[in-house]
């Protein structure tokens, strides 16, 4: 926490861009500091897939989890892909609270 604000990192497939934005808005209005992804690779941000950027962005997202008090998994329909599963496992190993959209 910083002051009275809990820090929450969003995790999930970037194909759920609208759901990410909705979760970010709701969690922010509830009084949280929300950390999200910088690019939505599965929603058209093709820069993710150039010059080893995906590896950097994946590692950077783990660092965002390090900064957080908890993660919030954006998983419409219960969908959790391999990258998200890896992030959830990392969050669990580092003692973070894990909450889910579904």
C-alpha atoms as a PDB file:
ATOM      1  CA  UNK A   1       0.000   0.000   0.000  1.00  0.00           C
ATOM      2  CA  UNK A   2       0.962   3.567  -0.504  1.00  0.00           C
ATOM      3  CA  UNK A   3      -0.803   5.729   2.032  1.00  0.00           C
ATOM      4  CA  UNK A   4      -4.304   4.349   2.204  1.00  0.00           C
ATOM      5  CA  UNK A   5      -4.274   3.024  -1.368  1.00  0.00           C
ATOM      6  CA  UNK A   6      -3.884  -0.648  -2.208  1.00  0.00           C
ATOM      7  CA  UNK A   7      -1.834  -1.373  -5.351  1.00  0.00           C
ATOM      8  CA  UNK A   8      -3.420  -3.858  -7.755  1.00  0.00           C
ATOM      9  CA  UNK A   9      -1.805  -5.232 -10.904  1.00  0.00           C
ATOM     10  CA  UNK A  10      -4.153  -6.459 -13.624  1.00  0.00           C
ATOM     11  CA  UNK A  11      -3.321  -9.789 -15.256  1.00  0.00           C
ATOM     12  CA  UNK A  12      -5.014 -11.698 -18.065  1.00  0.00           C
ATOM     13  CA  UNK A  13      -5.069 -12.159 -21.791  1.00  0.00           C
ATOM     14  CA  UNK A  14      -4.663  -8.931 -23.722  1.00  0.00           C
ATOM     15  CA  UNK A  15      -7.439 -10.067 -26.044  1.00  0.00           C
ATOM     16  CA  UNK A  16      -9.790  -8.789 -23.326  1.00  0.00           C
ATOM     17  CA  UNK A  17      -8.917  -5.115 -23.793  1.00  0.00           C
ATOM     18  CA  UNK A  18     -12.401  -3.794 -22.999  1.00  0.00           C
ATOM     19  CA  UNK A  19     -12.620  -5.917 -19.857  1.00  0.00           C
ATOM     20  CA  UNK A  20      -9.175  -4.658 -18.776  1.00  0.00           C
ATOM     21  CA  UNK A  21     -10.300  -1.060 -19.180  1.00  0.00           C
ATOM     22  CA  UNK A  22     -13.549  -1.716 -17.298  1.00  0.00           C
ATOM     23  CA  UNK A  23     -11.679  -3.415 -14.419  1.00  0.00           C
ATOM     24  CA  UNK A  24      -9.114  -0.596 -14.310  1.00  0.00           C
ATOM     25  CA  UNK A  25     -11.850   2.012 -14.108  1.00  0.00           C
ATOM     26  CA  UNK A  26     -13.865   0.170 -11.438  1.00  0.00           C
ATOM     27  CA  UNK A  27     -10.872  -0.646  -9.247  1.00  0.00           C
ATOM     28  CA  UNK A  28      -9.582   2.931  -9.520  1.00  0.00           C
ATOM     29  CA  UNK A  29     -12.954   4.367  -8.516  1.00  0.00           C
ATOM     30  CA  UNK A  30     -12.956   1.987  -5.535  1.00  0.00           C
ATOM     31  CA  UNK A  31      -9.800   3.773  -4.333  1.00  0.00           C
ATOM     32  CA  UNK A  32      -6.977   1.553  -5.598  1.00  0.00           C
ATOM     33  CA  UNK A  33      -3.806   2.311  -7.510  1.00  0.00           C
ATOM     34  CA  UNK A  34      -4.116   0.129 -10.609  1.00  0.00           C
ATOM     35  CA  UNK A  35      -1.176  -1.084 -12.695  1.00  0.00           C
ATOM     36  CA  UNK A  36      -2.059  -2.482 -16.102  1.00  0.00           C
ATOM     37  CA  UNK A  37      -0.397  -3.640 -19.284  1.00  0.00           C
ATOM     38  CA  UNK A  38       1.200  -1.067 -21.554  1.00  0.00           C
ATOM     39  CA  UNK A  39       0.206  -2.770 -24.807  1.00  0.00           C
ATOM     40  CA  UNK A  40      -2.584  -5.097 -25.892  1.00  0.00           C
ATOM     41  CA  UNK A  41      -0.792  -7.530 -28.193  1.00  0.00           C
ATOM     42  CA  UNK A  42      -3.815  -9.737 -28.829  1.00  0.00           C
ATOM     43  CA  UNK A  43      -5.950  -6.675 -29.552  1.00  0.00           C
ATOM     44  CA  UNK A  44      -3.843  -5.116 -32.273  1.00  0.00           C
ATOM     45  CA  UNK A  45      -0.713  -3.640 -30.672  1.00  0.00           C
ATOM     46  CA  UNK A  46       1.656  -5.504 -32.980  1.00  0.00           C
ATOM     47  CA  UNK A  47       4.749  -3.802 -31.546  1.00  0.00           C
ATOM     48  CA  UNK A  48       4.632  -6.477 -28.840  1.00  0.00           C
ATOM     49  CA  UNK A  49       5.904  -9.013 -31.349  1.00  0.00           C
ATOM     50  CA  UNK A  50       8.897  -7.096 -32.721  1.00  0.00           C
ATOM     51  CA  UNK A  51      12.579  -7.235 -31.725  1.00  0.00           C
ATOM     52  CA  UNK A  52      12.163  -9.450 -28.636  1.00  0.00           C
ATOM     53  CA  UNK A  53       9.702  -6.985 -27.099  1.00  0.00           C
ATOM     54  CA  UNK A  54       7.390  -9.728 -25.801  1.00  0.00           C
ATOM     55  CA  UNK A  55      10.118 -11.173 -23.570  1.00  0.00           C
ATOM     56  CA  UNK A  56      10.842  -7.729 -22.129  1.00  0.00           C
ATOM     57  CA  UNK A  57       7.153  -6.951 -21.615  1.00  0.00           C
ATOM     58  CA  UNK A  58       6.526 -10.335 -19.948  1.00  0.00           C
ATOM     59  CA  UNK A  59       9.404  -9.725 -17.535  1.00  0.00           C
ATOM     60  CA  UNK A  60       8.245  -6.161 -16.930  1.00  0.00           C
ATOM     61  CA  UNK A  61       4.793  -7.465 -16.012  1.00  0.00           C
ATOM     62  CA  UNK A  62       6.341  -9.683 -13.327  1.00  0.00           C
ATOM     63  CA  UNK A  63       8.011  -6.570 -11.927  1.00  0.00           C
ATOM     64  CA  UNK A  64       4.581  -4.889 -11.889  1.00  0.00           C
ATOM     65  CA  UNK A  65       3.367  -7.831  -9.813  1.00  0.00           C
ATOM     66  CA  UNK A  66       6.326  -7.245  -7.477  1.00  0.00           C
ATOM     67  CA  UNK A  67       5.078  -3.676  -6.918  1.00  0.00           C
ATOM     68  CA  UNK A  68       1.521  -4.789  -6.135  1.00  0.00           C
ATOM     69  CA  UNK A  69      -0.275  -5.801  -2.967  1.00  0.00           C
ATOM     70  CA  UNK A  70      -2.507  -8.062  -5.035  1.00  0.00           C
ATOM     71  CA  UNK A  71      -3.324  -9.048  -8.591  1.00  0.00           C
ATOM     72  CA  UNK A  72      -6.699  -8.987 -10.273  1.00  0.00           C
ATOM     73  CA  UNK A  73      -7.119 -11.555 -13.024  1.00  0.00           C
ATOM     74  CA  UNK A  74      -9.236 -10.416 -15.964  1.00  0.00           C
ATOM     75  CA  UNK A  75     -10.638 -13.766 -17.100  1.00  0.00           C
ATOM     76  CA  UNK A  76     -14.021 -13.469 -18.844  1.00  0.00           C
ATOM     77  CA  UNK A  77     -15.694 -16.856 -19.102  1.00  0.00           C
ATOM     78  CA  UNK A  78     -13.002 -18.266 -16.818  1.00  0.00           C
ATOM     79  CA  UNK A  79     -10.329 -18.124 -19.541  1.00  0.00           C
ATOM     80  CA  UNK A  80      -6.745 -18.308 -18.286  1.00  0.00           C
ATOM     81  CA  UNK A  81      -3.968 -18.753 -20.861  1.00  0.00           C
ATOM     82  CA  UNK A  82      -0.400 -19.912 -20.298  1.00  0.00           C
ATOM     83  CA  UNK A  83       1.084 -16.433 -19.724  1.00  0.00           C
ATOM     84  CA  UNK A  84      -1.631 -15.570 -17.232  1.00  0.00           C
ATOM     85  CA  UNK A  85      -1.178 -18.907 -15.444  1.00  0.00           C
ATOM     86  CA  UNK A  86       2.541 -18.130 -15.136  1.00  0.00           C
ATOM     87  CA  UNK A  87       1.717 -14.700 -13.677  1.00  0.00           C
ATOM     88  CA  UNK A  88      -0.759 -16.204 -11.195  1.00  0.00           C
ATOM     89  CA  UNK A  89       1.835 -18.789 -10.118  1.00  0.00           C
ATOM     90  CA  UNK A  90       4.431 -16.027  -9.682  1.00  0.00           C
ATOM     91  CA  UNK A  91       2.016 -13.908  -7.654  1.00  0.00           C
ATOM     92  CA  UNK A  92       1.197 -16.881  -5.409  1.00  0.00           C
ATOM     93  CA  UNK A  93       4.895 -17.668  -4.868  1.00  0.00           C
ATOM     94  CA  UNK A  94       5.562 -14.058  -3.878  1.00  0.00           C
ATOM     95  CA  UNK A  95       2.669 -13.973  -1.409  1.00  0.00           C
ATOM     96  CA  UNK A  96       0.298 -11.709  -3.318  1.00  0.00           C
ATOM     97  CA  UNK A  97      -3.463 -11.781  -2.865  1.00  0.00           C
ATOM     98  CA  UNK A  98      -5.114 -13.094  -6.039  1.00  0.00           C
ATOM     99  CA  UNK A  99      -8.634 -12.090  -7.079  1.00  0.00           C
ATOM    100  CA  UNK A 100     -10.530 -12.958 -10.239  1.00  0.00           C
ATOM    101  CA  UNK A 101     -13.106 -11.275 -12.453  1.00  0.00           C
ATOM    102  CA  UNK A 102     -14.930 -14.634 -12.703  1.00  0.00           C
END
